[in-house]
Structures are given as C-alpha cells and as structure tokens.
Amino acid sequence: MELGIGIGWRPEIADEVEALAGIDWVEAVAENLCADHLPASLVRLRERGVTVVPHGVALGLGGADRPDPGRLAALAARAELLGTPLVTEHIAFVRAGGPLTASPRLEAGHLLPVPRTWDALDVLCENVRIAQDSLPVPLALENIAALISWPGEELTEGQFLAELVERTGVRLLIDVANLHTNHVNLGQDPAKALDELPVEAIAYVHVAGGVEKNGVWHDTHAHPVSEPVLEVLAELRSRVDPPGVLLERDDAFPPGAELAGELDAIRATLRQAATVRVPAAAGERTSTSAAGERTGVADPVAAEAGERTSTAAAIERRGTADPAPAEGRAAADPMPAGTRDRTAVAQTALLSALVAGTPAPEGFDHRRLRVQSRALAAKRADVVAKVAPELPEILGDGYRAAFLAYAGSRPMSGGYRRDALDFAEHVLIAGGPADPAARRRLTYWWQDRSGARPPGRTTRLVRAARAVLVGK
C-alpha cells in the first residue's frame, strides 16, 4: 500500500492543505471527526482521490484496561465513513485508575509512555488484538515522544516494537521526531532503535517540529521541522523506502508557503538518503525484502532471510532480557495472572503523581516528573481554551493562571469538554470572576452547557448565584 507524501489535515489549515501541490494523502484526528458526516474540505479532498487516514489519540491501548468498546466502535465508524485503507493509534496510556485499582479514574489528556517490560508488552499485545478484531481495516501503531522514562525497563524501544509486531502482526507508524525527542530527553540512540525494529512493518512515517528548552526537547508540533529530525528521517530512509511520509502540524500554523517548504525539505531528504545503504547485513536484507514486496519483484532468498531475522533476533533478545523460552510467550498464550493488575497499579501511581500531586513512585526522576506535570497542565489549559474559547474571552488575561491553579488540585476525569465545565464551576464557587459582568457571563455560559442532570450541591449554589445576579 503506497501512500506517498502527505500532511496532517486540521480545520485551521484546511484551505492551505487543499491548495498544496503534490499532496497524495492526509491524516485527520479521528476524535475530531463526526461519525456521520465529514467536513466539506475532506469531502473535496476525497473527491480528488486524496486518501484520508483517521489517526486516533484516545484509545490508550497501552493502558491496563481492555480497550473501551465504544471508542473502538467510534474509530471503526470513522474508518468506514472515510473508506480508509488503515487506521492508526499510539503505543501509550492516556488514563488510569478505576476498577482495577479501586481508585478514581484519572485522565492524562496526553499520551504517556508505557514501561518497556514484559508485563506491559503482554497487556499491550492483548489490547491490540482486541482492537484489530473490532476494526474493519488494518491497524498501525505509533511510537510516542517521552519526557520521562520508567525505571527497571527490560527491553529497548526497538526490541519492544519488534516483539509487538511479531506477536500481533500490527503495522508501525514510526515518528522520527519522537525518536529524536527520546534521543535528547532519554539518551536513546535513534539509529539503534531503527536497527532493532522491523522496518518492513512500517505503514508510514511522521515528521514534526519541536523545541528545546533547558535541555528538554518538547515535541510541540508547533515549530518548524528541525535538521536533526530530518537526519533521523534520512537514517530511516537509508534502511527502507517507507510507503508514506506525513508532515504533522497541530498549532501555531504557518502560511501555506511555509508548509510547502517543509514538505519540499522532506522530499529532498528522502531523495538524498535513497542512495545510502546501512552497512549492517540485517538492515540490507530488510530493505531488499521490503522493496521487492512493493515492486512486485520477488527475491525469495532476501524474503526468507528477512523473515528469519525478525524471529531469530527477537528470540536472541528475549534470551538476554528474559530467561523464559520463546515459546513460553507465544501470542496465543493467556497473560499470567495479575499482569493487568500490576500494570494498573504502576500506571495509576505515575499518573496520580503527575496530575494529582501524590508522591512520585520510586525510581523516577523527580525533576523530569515536574517537567511532565507542568507540560500536562499547560496542554490542558491550551486545549480547554480551544474547546471552550468563551472561557479565556470571559476571564481575559487571568484565564491561564486561574486554570493552572485549578489543574494543580483537580485532575481531569472526563475529557476536555467536561474539564471546561468543571473549571468554570470551580471559578464560580470560589467567588470569581471579580468583575460582576464577567461573573454573570460565566454563570450563563456554565448553565447553558451543563446539560440536564440532577442538581447537586454545587449546581444549586451556582443557580442561587445566578438568581442573585439576575436580581441586581
């Protein structure tokens, strides 16, 4: 399946995307699409023959819980609506707590890394199989960027991805910007990760921009693609010709000419790297096998070698990281008892430290946890401002400080729209805003959007406040 060169479609740059030359396909965030109709821009792109791939962000397949059937059904519906050849998601967890830990449900509002351990791999593989059975098209999973690493990890990123592919047959969405991020933040060598992962399983590649602050790389998707990220793309291209490469941009959108320039830089990088071959024999076999499959020119020796390489390397790695024999971890085997429970406890402890201020779990870098915690709160503030733009309008310059103070003691538990309502309610109960007209507007806004539900104590207080204001 050849995709070609693409760009992430976002409503803010819909016109620019339609006007770009040489765009073969686009990717749209699945959760931002309605299940029964498409934005007019995507309809026009599809009529021109442009493939649209839905990219999910909320399944949390790396989480301890089994995938939510409703979320899977929603992703499947969008795949059907788009007529897409595949759907994509992330190797991450996005929520924790709940029944497995008998604790409140917590939402990260962001993609968090899973520990590269056998337990986490067992959980991820079972969740992936559940998702694959529920989706009408193949699934590809993306490696994520991380500010923090888990203590006691048992596999490298490349080994973890190779095991995942071998057990489930899932395709990979390799984000070279995320490989660069993990190089800066965690000291992980992108070339080593590319050497270890099964490049023949790559469905497509993401390229995105970021920024370095105080020695930490932030994968912002709001800055131009940097030269180091293009260098990782070249490393990947020297090993395999990826079926598709896509430019991501999620914020601080530049003019269309700048997007076109970044796409040209990506094309140039791919052309220049196409003539370079990695010296490792395994890498050469992988590239030869994958190229033969796409061109239809069969090379049975290379293909057989490529198949042996994946299995043999995984067995060899497993032997050094885990004394259990390969057959002891066959894909069809049930998970050992307690695996999900252990994963749930570990993920809940980490997420609680990040969003609820509980003590940091043992072994984590406390400074990095603080950086991640601030990043999560900042993203909450940014996204809430987008889904409820009336809030920063009503609160003015005080919005961000008020929200960050709220986020420090109020973990998100029900998504960003619920978060916006809870924040407004919090401000009103605390007696804000100070300006009576702003308080009146915020009260009306909250009541208009809170929906029909049994009025609790907080609701009664706010309605009483409204009655007082209306009487003034």
Protein backbone atom coordinates (compact mmCIF):
# COMPACT_ATOMS: atom_id res chain seq x y z
CA MET A 1 0.00 0.00 0.00
CA GLU A 2 1.73 3.14 -1.25
CA LEU A 3 0.58 6.40 0.35
CA GLY A 4 3.20 8.88 -0.85
CA ILE A 5 3.72 12.34 0.69
CA GLY A 6 1.03 13.69 2.99
CA ILE A 7 0.18 16.30 5.60
CA GLY A 8 -1.91 16.32 8.74
CA TRP A 9 -5.30 17.84 7.96
CA ARG A 10 -6.52 20.27 10.59
CA PRO A 11 -9.55 22.62 10.34
CA GLU A 12 -7.32 25.66 10.89
CA ILE A 13 -5.30 24.92 7.72
CA ALA A 14 -7.97 23.19 5.63
CA ASP A 15 -7.74 25.75 2.82
CA GLU A 16 -3.94 25.66 2.79
CA VAL A 17 -3.91 21.85 2.66
CA GLU A 18 -6.31 21.84 -0.29
CA ALA A 19 -4.09 24.30 -2.13
CA LEU A 20 -0.80 22.45 -1.58
CA ALA A 21 0.66 20.80 -4.66
CA GLY A 22 1.81 17.18 -4.64
CA ILE A 23 -0.23 16.01 -1.65
CA ASP A 24 -1.11 12.33 -2.03
CA TRP A 25 -2.92 11.80 1.27
CA VAL A 26 -3.89 13.44 4.55
CA GLU A 27 -4.34 12.30 8.12
CA ALA A 28 -7.15 13.58 10.36
CA VAL A 29 -7.51 13.21 14.13
CA ALA A 30 -10.27 10.61 14.45
CA GLU A 31 -11.84 12.05 17.59
CA ASN A 32 -12.28 15.43 15.88
CA LEU A 33 -14.48 13.97 13.14
CA CYS A 34 -18.22 13.41 13.38
CA ALA A 35 -19.26 9.80 12.89
CA ASP A 36 -21.96 10.55 10.32
CA HIS A 37 -20.55 13.30 8.10
CA LEU A 38 -17.25 14.83 7.03
CA PRO A 39 -16.10 18.44 6.86
CA ALA A 40 -16.55 19.88 3.37
CA SER A 41 -12.78 20.17 2.92
CA LEU A 42 -12.24 16.45 3.46
CA VAL A 43 -15.12 15.65 1.12
CA ARG A 44 -13.45 17.71 -1.61
CA LEU A 45 -10.08 16.08 -1.00
CA ARG A 46 -11.59 12.61 -1.24
CA GLU A 47 -13.35 13.57 -4.48
CA ARG A 48 -9.91 14.45 -5.85
CA GLY A 49 -8.68 10.96 -4.95
CA VAL A 50 -6.74 12.01 -1.84
CA THR A 51 -6.67 9.23 0.78
CA VAL A 52 -7.76 10.24 4.29
CA VAL A 53 -6.41 8.21 7.24
CA PRO A 54 -8.03 8.58 10.70
CA HIS A 55 -5.46 8.94 13.48
CA GLY A 56 -6.79 8.06 16.95
CA VAL A 57 -5.49 9.62 20.16
CA ALA A 58 -7.84 8.37 22.88
CA LEU A 59 -7.88 4.55 22.86
CA GLY A 60 -4.97 4.18 25.27
CA LEU A 61 -4.01 0.71 24.02
CA GLY A 62 -1.02 0.68 26.35
CA GLY A 63 -3.26 1.15 29.39
CA ALA A 64 -4.07 -1.56 31.88
CA ASP A 65 -7.76 -1.69 30.94
CA ARG A 66 -9.04 -3.51 27.90
CA PRO A 67 -9.98 -1.11 25.08
CA ASP A 68 -13.33 0.60 25.51
CA PRO A 69 -15.85 -0.93 23.07
CA GLY A 70 -17.49 2.45 22.48
CA ARG A 71 -14.21 4.09 21.49
CA LEU A 72 -13.38 1.16 19.21
CA ALA A 73 -16.81 1.38 17.58
CA ALA A 74 -16.34 5.12 17.03
CA LEU A 75 -12.95 4.59 15.38
CA ALA A 76 -14.40 1.82 13.21
CA ALA A 77 -17.25 4.11 12.15
CA ARG A 78 -14.85 6.80 11.05
CA ALA A 79 -12.81 4.27 9.09
CA GLU A 80 -15.96 3.18 7.26
CA LEU A 81 -17.01 6.77 6.63
CA LEU A 82 -13.62 7.66 5.14
CA GLY A 83 -13.12 4.45 3.16
CA THR A 84 -9.58 4.42 4.51
CA PRO A 85 -7.03 1.64 3.91
CA LEU A 86 -5.93 1.67 7.57
CA VAL A 87 -6.34 3.41 10.92
CA THR A 88 -3.64 4.45 13.36
CA GLU A 89 -3.23 4.91 17.10
CA HIS A 90 -0.43 5.18 19.67
CA ILE A 91 1.61 2.94 21.94
CA ALA A 92 0.66 4.85 25.06
CA PHE A 93 -1.66 5.05 28.02
CA VAL A 94 -3.93 8.05 28.49
CA ARG A 95 -5.92 7.17 31.61
CA ALA A 96 -5.53 5.12 34.78
CA GLY A 97 -7.31 4.23 37.99
CA GLY A 98 -10.81 2.82 38.05
CA PRO A 99 -11.97 -0.70 38.98
CA LEU A 100 -8.59 -2.42 38.60
CA THR A 101 -7.17 -0.25 41.38
CA ALA A 102 -10.39 0.66 43.21
CA SER A 103 -9.43 4.31 42.82
CA PRO A 104 -10.87 7.33 40.98
CA ARG A 105 -10.46 7.39 37.23
CA LEU A 106 -7.74 9.80 36.07
CA GLU A 107 -7.29 11.23 32.58
CA ALA A 108 -3.87 12.37 31.39
CA GLY A 109 -5.14 14.46 28.48
CA HIS A 110 -1.94 13.41 26.74
CA LEU A 111 -0.03 10.35 25.53
CA LEU A 112 2.15 8.81 28.24
CA PRO A 113 4.82 6.13 27.73
CA VAL A 114 4.26 2.53 28.76
CA PRO A 115 7.14 0.79 30.53
CA ARG A 116 9.10 -1.44 28.18
CA THR A 117 8.63 -4.54 30.30
CA TRP A 118 7.25 -8.00 29.57
CA ASP A 119 4.16 -7.26 31.68
CA ALA A 120 3.38 -4.07 29.75
CA LEU A 121 4.04 -5.86 26.47
CA ASP A 122 1.62 -8.67 27.39
CA VAL A 123 -1.11 -6.14 28.16
CA LEU A 124 -0.44 -4.09 25.03
CA CYS A 125 -0.48 -7.16 22.76
CA GLU A 126 -3.81 -8.38 24.11
CA ASN A 127 -5.30 -4.90 23.76
CA VAL A 128 -4.01 -4.65 20.20
CA ARG A 129 -5.61 -7.99 19.27
CA ILE A 130 -8.92 -6.80 20.70
CA ALA A 131 -8.67 -3.60 18.66
CA GLN A 132 -7.71 -5.47 15.49
CA ASP A 133 -10.76 -7.70 15.85
CA SER A 134 -13.01 -4.64 16.18
CA LEU A 135 -11.72 -2.59 13.25
CA PRO A 136 -12.68 -3.03 9.59
CA VAL A 137 -9.19 -2.20 8.29
CA PRO A 138 -5.60 -2.85 9.43
CA LEU A 139 -4.20 -1.03 12.45
CA ALA A 140 -0.82 0.72 12.71
CA LEU A 141 0.65 1.97 15.99
CA GLU A 142 2.91 4.97 16.62
CA ASN A 143 5.90 5.27 18.91
CA ILE A 144 5.49 8.30 21.15
CA ALA A 145 7.76 11.05 22.46
CA ALA A 146 8.56 10.98 26.15
CA LEU A 147 9.83 13.38 28.79
CA ILE A 148 10.23 10.61 31.34
CA SER A 149 11.41 7.01 31.39
CA TRP A 150 10.29 4.14 33.60
CA PRO A 151 12.74 2.53 36.00
CA GLY A 152 13.51 -1.14 35.53
CA GLU A 153 12.76 -1.40 31.81
CA GLU A 154 13.61 -4.79 30.28
CA LEU A 155 13.67 -4.02 26.55
CA THR A 156 14.89 -1.24 24.31
CA GLU A 157 12.38 0.65 22.18
CA GLY A 158 13.38 -1.29 19.07
CA GLN A 159 13.10 -4.64 20.84
CA PHE A 160 9.72 -3.70 22.28
CA LEU A 161 8.35 -2.75 18.87
CA ALA A 162 9.81 -5.88 17.24
CA GLU A 163 8.13 -8.09 19.84
CA LEU A 164 4.84 -6.26 19.40
CA VAL A 165 4.90 -6.77 15.63
CA GLU A 166 5.90 -10.41 15.90
CA ARG A 167 3.12 -11.26 18.35
CA THR A 168 0.28 -9.30 16.77
CA GLY A 169 1.17 -8.59 13.16
CA VAL A 170 0.31 -4.93 13.74
CA ARG A 171 1.88 -2.34 11.42
CA LEU A 172 4.05 0.50 12.68
CA LEU A 173 3.73 4.26 12.33
CA ILE A 174 7.25 5.49 13.04
CA ASP A 175 7.52 9.11 14.16
CA VAL A 176 11.10 10.23 13.53
CA ALA A 177 10.52 13.41 15.55
CA ASN A 178 9.64 11.22 18.52
CA LEU A 179 12.83 9.20 18.03
CA HIS A 180 14.76 12.47 18.14
CA THR A 181 12.83 13.60 21.22
CA ASN A 182 13.71 10.40 23.05
CA HIS A 183 17.34 10.82 21.99
CA VAL A 184 17.54 14.29 23.58
CA ASN A 185 15.43 13.56 26.65
CA LEU A 186 16.30 9.95 27.43
CA GLY A 187 19.62 9.37 25.70
CA GLN A 188 18.20 6.74 23.33
CA ASP A 189 20.05 6.33 20.04
CA PRO A 190 17.66 6.67 17.06
CA ALA A 191 19.97 4.64 14.80
CA LYS A 192 20.00 1.75 17.28
CA ALA A 193 16.20 1.82 17.52
CA LEU A 194 15.96 1.73 13.72
CA ASP A 195 18.45 -1.14 13.58
CA GLU A 196 16.35 -3.18 16.01
CA LEU A 197 12.83 -2.54 14.83
CA PRO A 198 11.22 -4.45 11.92
CA VAL A 199 11.31 -1.72 9.28
CA GLU A 200 9.39 -3.96 6.87
CA ALA A 201 6.35 -3.47 9.14
CA ILE A 202 6.31 0.33 8.69
CA ALA A 203 2.98 1.59 7.32
CA TYR A 204 4.10 5.22 7.19
CA VAL A 205 6.24 7.85 8.89
CA HIS A 206 5.51 11.06 10.82
CA VAL A 207 7.74 14.12 10.66
CA ALA A 208 7.11 17.04 13.03
CA GLY A 209 8.73 20.01 14.72
CA GLY A 210 9.56 20.77 18.32
CA VAL A 211 11.70 22.98 20.50
CA GLU A 212 14.40 22.50 23.14
CA LYS A 213 14.07 24.29 26.49
CA ASN A 214 16.56 23.87 29.30
CA GLY A 215 17.92 20.66 27.86
CA VAL A 216 14.48 19.10 27.34
CA TRP A 217 13.03 18.57 23.87
CA HIS A 218 9.33 19.33 23.65
CA ASP A 219 7.51 17.63 20.79
CA THR A 220 5.22 20.59 20.18
CA HIS A 221 4.06 20.05 16.58
CA ALA A 222 4.00 23.86 16.60
CA HIS A 223 7.51 24.60 15.32
CA PRO A 224 9.29 24.02 12.01
CA VAL A 225 10.87 20.62 11.41
CA SER A 226 14.48 20.79 12.62
CA GLU A 227 17.56 19.48 10.86
CA PRO A 228 18.17 16.74 13.49
CA VAL A 229 14.69 15.35 12.82
CA LEU A 230 15.39 15.30 9.09
CA GLU A 231 18.63 13.45 9.86
CA VAL A 232 16.64 10.71 11.63
CA LEU A 233 14.33 10.58 8.61
CA ALA A 234 17.40 10.08 6.42
CA GLU A 235 18.60 7.28 8.73
CA LEU A 236 15.26 5.54 8.31
CA ARG A 237 15.20 6.04 4.53
CA SER A 238 18.66 4.51 4.26
CA ARG A 239 17.17 1.30 5.65
CA VAL A 240 13.79 1.15 3.96
CA ASP A 241 11.61 3.03 1.48
CA PRO A 242 8.58 3.89 3.66
CA PRO A 243 5.16 3.58 1.97
CA GLY A 244 4.20 7.05 3.18
CA VAL A 245 5.67 10.11 4.91
CA LEU A 246 3.49 12.77 6.54
CA LEU A 247 4.17 16.25 7.93
CA GLU A 248 2.36 16.96 11.21
CA ARG A 249 1.43 20.42 12.48
CA ASP A 250 -1.04 20.94 15.33
CA ASP A 251 -0.61 24.54 16.44
CA ALA A 252 0.93 27.92 15.53
CA PHE A 253 0.04 27.19 11.93
CA PRO A 254 2.26 28.96 9.38
CA PRO A 255 1.24 30.21 5.92
CA GLY A 256 0.80 27.63 3.21
CA ALA A 257 4.12 28.60 1.62
CA GLU A 258 6.00 27.59 4.78
CA LEU A 259 4.19 24.24 4.91
CA ALA A 260 5.11 23.70 1.26
CA GLY A 261 8.73 24.49 2.11
CA GLU A 262 8.79 21.89 4.88
CA LEU A 263 7.29 19.31 2.54
CA ASP A 264 9.97 20.12 -0.02
CA ALA A 265 12.66 19.60 2.63
CA ILE A 266 11.15 16.21 3.46
CA ARG A 267 11.12 15.21 -0.21
CA ALA A 268 14.75 16.32 -0.63
CA THR A 269 15.81 14.35 2.45
CA LEU A 270 14.15 11.22 1.13
CA ARG A 271 15.77 11.60 -2.31
CA GLN A 272 19.24 12.16 -0.91
CA ALA A 273 19.02 9.28 1.58
CA ALA A 274 17.68 6.84 -1.00
CA THR A 275 21.20 6.28 -2.33
CA VAL A 276 22.63 5.45 1.11
CA ARG A 277 22.68 1.88 2.42
CA VAL A 278 23.25 0.89 6.03
CA PRO A 279 26.23 -1.45 6.33
CA ALA A 280 24.51 -3.93 8.66
CA ALA A 281 23.57 -7.14 6.85
CA ALA A 282 20.25 -7.41 8.63
CA GLY A 283 19.36 -3.88 7.60
CA GLU A 284 20.24 -4.66 3.98
CA ARG A 285 18.11 -7.78 3.98
CA THR A 286 15.17 -5.89 5.42
CA SER A 287 15.43 -3.12 2.84
CA THR A 288 15.78 -5.57 -0.06
CA SER A 289 12.85 -7.67 1.07
CA ALA A 290 10.57 -4.68 1.60
CA ALA A 291 11.49 -3.10 -1.71
CA GLY A 292 10.88 -6.37 -3.52
CA GLU A 293 7.44 -6.70 -1.97
CA ARG A 294 6.41 -3.19 -3.05
CA THR A 295 7.74 -3.51 -6.60
CA GLY A 296 6.40 -6.99 -7.13
CA VAL A 297 9.88 -8.35 -7.94
CA ALA A 298 10.25 -11.30 -5.63
CA ASP A 299 13.60 -12.12 -4.07
CA PRO A 300 12.95 -15.41 -2.24
CA VAL A 301 16.39 -15.52 -0.62
CA ALA A 302 16.07 -11.99 0.78
CA ALA A 303 12.47 -12.59 1.83
CA GLU A 304 13.37 -15.77 3.71
CA ALA A 305 16.32 -14.07 5.36
CA GLY A 306 14.14 -11.15 6.39
CA GLU A 307 11.60 -13.48 7.99
CA ARG A 308 14.30 -15.36 9.88
CA THR A 309 15.92 -12.13 11.03
CA SER A 310 12.82 -10.89 12.85
CA THR A 311 12.12 -14.13 14.68
CA ALA A 312 15.71 -15.04 15.45
CA ALA A 313 16.58 -11.57 16.69
CA ALA A 314 13.52 -11.48 18.93
CA ILE A 315 14.40 -14.89 20.42
CA GLU A 316 18.00 -13.81 20.95
CA ARG A 317 16.96 -10.57 22.64
CA ARG A 318 14.43 -12.35 24.79
CA GLY A 319 17.13 -14.77 25.89
CA THR A 320 19.28 -11.92 27.15
CA ALA A 321 16.50 -9.87 28.72
CA ASP A 322 14.29 -12.65 30.00
CA PRO A 323 15.30 -16.31 30.60
CA ALA A 324 11.86 -17.59 29.55
CA PRO A 325 11.99 -19.53 26.24
CA ALA A 326 10.42 -18.00 23.15
CA GLU A 327 7.61 -20.50 23.01
CA GLY A 328 6.65 -19.58 26.56
CA ARG A 329 5.45 -16.20 25.32
CA ALA A 330 3.53 -17.30 22.26
CA ALA A 331 0.87 -14.91 21.03
CA ALA A 332 -1.97 -17.27 21.85
CA ASP A 333 -0.91 -17.84 25.45
CA PRO A 334 -3.04 -16.15 28.11
CA MET A 335 -1.42 -13.48 30.21
CA PRO A 336 -0.05 -14.55 33.59
CA ALA A 337 -2.45 -13.87 36.42
CA GLY A 338 -2.16 -10.40 37.89
CA THR A 339 -0.44 -8.83 34.88
CA ARG A 340 -3.17 -6.25 34.28
CA ASP A 341 -3.44 -5.52 38.00
CA ARG A 342 0.29 -4.86 38.33
CA THR A 343 0.23 -2.65 35.25
CA ALA A 344 -2.77 -0.75 36.58
CA VAL A 345 -1.16 -0.04 39.94
CA ALA A 346 2.06 1.20 38.33
CA GLN A 347 0.33 3.43 35.79
CA THR A 348 -2.09 4.86 38.35
CA ALA A 349 0.75 5.73 40.72
CA LEU A 350 2.59 7.56 37.95
CA LEU A 351 -0.43 9.43 36.60
CA SER A 352 -1.54 10.40 40.10
CA ALA A 353 1.89 11.89 40.76
CA LEU A 354 1.67 13.84 37.51
CA VAL A 355 -1.85 15.25 37.81
CA ALA A 356 -2.85 14.97 41.45
CA GLY A 357 0.34 15.83 43.30
CA THR A 358 0.77 12.48 45.05
CA PRO A 359 4.32 11.30 45.89
CA ALA A 360 6.44 10.23 42.94
CA PRO A 361 6.79 6.46 42.51
CA GLU A 362 10.19 5.06 43.41
CA GLY A 363 12.85 5.18 40.74
CA PHE A 364 11.54 8.08 38.65
CA ASP A 365 13.49 11.25 38.00
CA HIS A 366 11.67 13.83 40.14
CA ARG A 367 12.85 16.77 38.05
CA ARG A 368 11.55 15.17 34.86
CA LEU A 369 8.25 14.34 36.57
CA ARG A 370 7.83 18.03 37.42
CA VAL A 371 8.54 18.98 33.80
CA GLN A 372 5.98 16.43 32.59
CA SER A 373 3.44 17.58 35.16
CA ARG A 374 3.75 21.20 34.07
CA ALA A 375 3.50 20.16 30.44
CA LEU A 376 0.28 18.24 31.10
CA ALA A 377 -1.28 21.19 32.92
CA ALA A 378 -0.23 23.59 30.14
CA LYS A 379 -1.73 21.35 27.50
CA ARG A 380 -4.98 21.15 29.47
CA ALA A 381 -5.13 24.93 29.57
CA ASP A 382 -4.46 25.20 25.83
CA VAL A 383 -6.98 22.55 24.78
CA VAL A 384 -9.72 23.82 27.10
CA ALA A 385 -9.19 27.28 25.58
CA LYS A 386 -9.80 25.73 22.15
CA VAL A 387 -12.87 23.64 23.01
CA ALA A 388 -14.36 26.48 25.10
CA PRO A 389 -12.97 29.73 23.65
CA GLU A 390 -15.50 31.74 25.67
CA LEU A 391 -13.57 31.00 28.87
CA PRO A 392 -10.37 32.95 28.03
CA GLU A 393 -12.60 35.62 26.50
CA ILE A 394 -14.60 36.00 29.71
CA LEU A 395 -11.65 35.68 32.09
CA GLY A 396 -9.22 37.68 29.98
CA ASP A 397 -5.56 37.71 30.95
CA GLY A 398 -6.37 35.88 34.17
CA TYR A 399 -7.56 32.73 32.38
CA ARG A 400 -4.29 30.86 32.18
CA ALA A 401 -3.14 31.48 35.75
CA ALA A 402 -6.60 30.57 37.07
CA PHE A 403 -6.71 27.37 35.05
CA LEU A 404 -3.22 26.24 36.04
CA ALA A 405 -4.07 26.82 39.71
CA TYR A 406 -7.24 24.77 39.22
CA ALA A 407 -5.39 22.00 37.37
CA GLY A 408 -2.86 21.68 40.18
CA SER A 409 -5.51 20.30 42.52
CA ARG A 410 -8.21 18.99 40.16
CA PRO A 411 -7.19 16.05 37.96
CA MET A 412 -9.10 15.65 34.71
CA SER A 413 -11.55 12.76 34.82
CA GLY A 414 -13.93 13.13 31.89
CA GLY A 415 -12.31 14.69 28.84
CA TYR A 416 -11.66 18.30 27.88
CA ARG A 417 -15.27 19.49 27.49
CA ARG A 418 -16.08 18.17 30.93
CA ASP A 419 -12.89 19.81 32.17
CA ALA A 420 -14.02 23.18 30.81
CA LEU A 421 -17.34 22.91 32.65
CA ASP A 422 -15.68 21.80 35.88
CA PHE A 423 -13.21 24.68 35.69
CA ALA A 424 -15.98 27.23 35.18
CA GLU A 425 -17.91 25.73 38.08
CA HIS A 426 -14.78 25.89 40.25
CA VAL A 427 -14.27 29.57 39.44
CA LEU A 428 -17.88 30.42 40.25
CA ILE A 429 -17.93 28.53 43.53
CA ALA A 430 -14.72 30.32 44.54
CA GLY A 431 -16.48 33.66 44.02
CA GLY A 432 -14.88 34.62 40.72
CA PRO A 433 -14.56 36.38 38.44
CA ALA A 434 -14.25 39.61 40.41
CA ASP A 435 -15.94 41.67 37.73
CA PRO A 436 -19.76 41.30 38.12
CA ALA A 437 -20.39 41.37 34.37
CA ALA A 438 -17.80 38.65 33.77
CA ARG A 439 -19.27 36.58 36.63
CA ARG A 440 -22.72 36.92 35.09
CA ARG A 441 -21.45 35.83 31.66
CA LEU A 442 -19.60 32.86 33.12
CA THR A 443 -22.66 31.78 35.09
CA TYR A 444 -24.85 31.88 32.00
CA TRP A 445 -22.22 30.04 29.98
CA TRP A 446 -21.88 27.26 32.52
CA GLN A 447 -25.60 26.79 32.98
CA ASP A 448 -26.29 26.76 29.26
CA ARG A 449 -23.75 23.97 28.68
CA SER A 450 -24.01 21.86 31.81
CA GLY A 451 -26.98 19.94 30.40
CA ALA A 452 -29.85 18.24 32.10
CA ARG A 453 -28.75 16.33 35.18
CA PRO A 454 -29.87 16.06 38.80
CA PRO A 455 -28.78 19.26 40.52
CA GLY A 456 -26.12 18.55 43.11
CA ARG A 457 -24.96 20.90 45.84
CA THR A 458 -22.60 22.76 43.51
CA THR A 459 -25.27 23.18 40.87
CA ARG A 460 -27.69 24.55 43.42
CA LEU A 461 -25.10 27.04 44.63
CA VAL A 462 -24.41 28.27 41.12
CA ARG A 463 -28.10 28.59 40.31
CA ALA A 464 -28.60 30.53 43.51
CA ALA A 465 -25.74 32.80 42.48
CA ARG A 466 -27.37 33.34 39.12
CA ALA A 467 -30.65 34.24 40.75
CA VAL A 468 -28.88 36.84 42.87
CA LEU A 469 -27.09 38.27 39.84
CA VAL A 470 -30.21 38.44 37.73
CA GLY A 471 -31.93 40.32 40.53
CA LYS A 472 -29.27 43.04 40.52
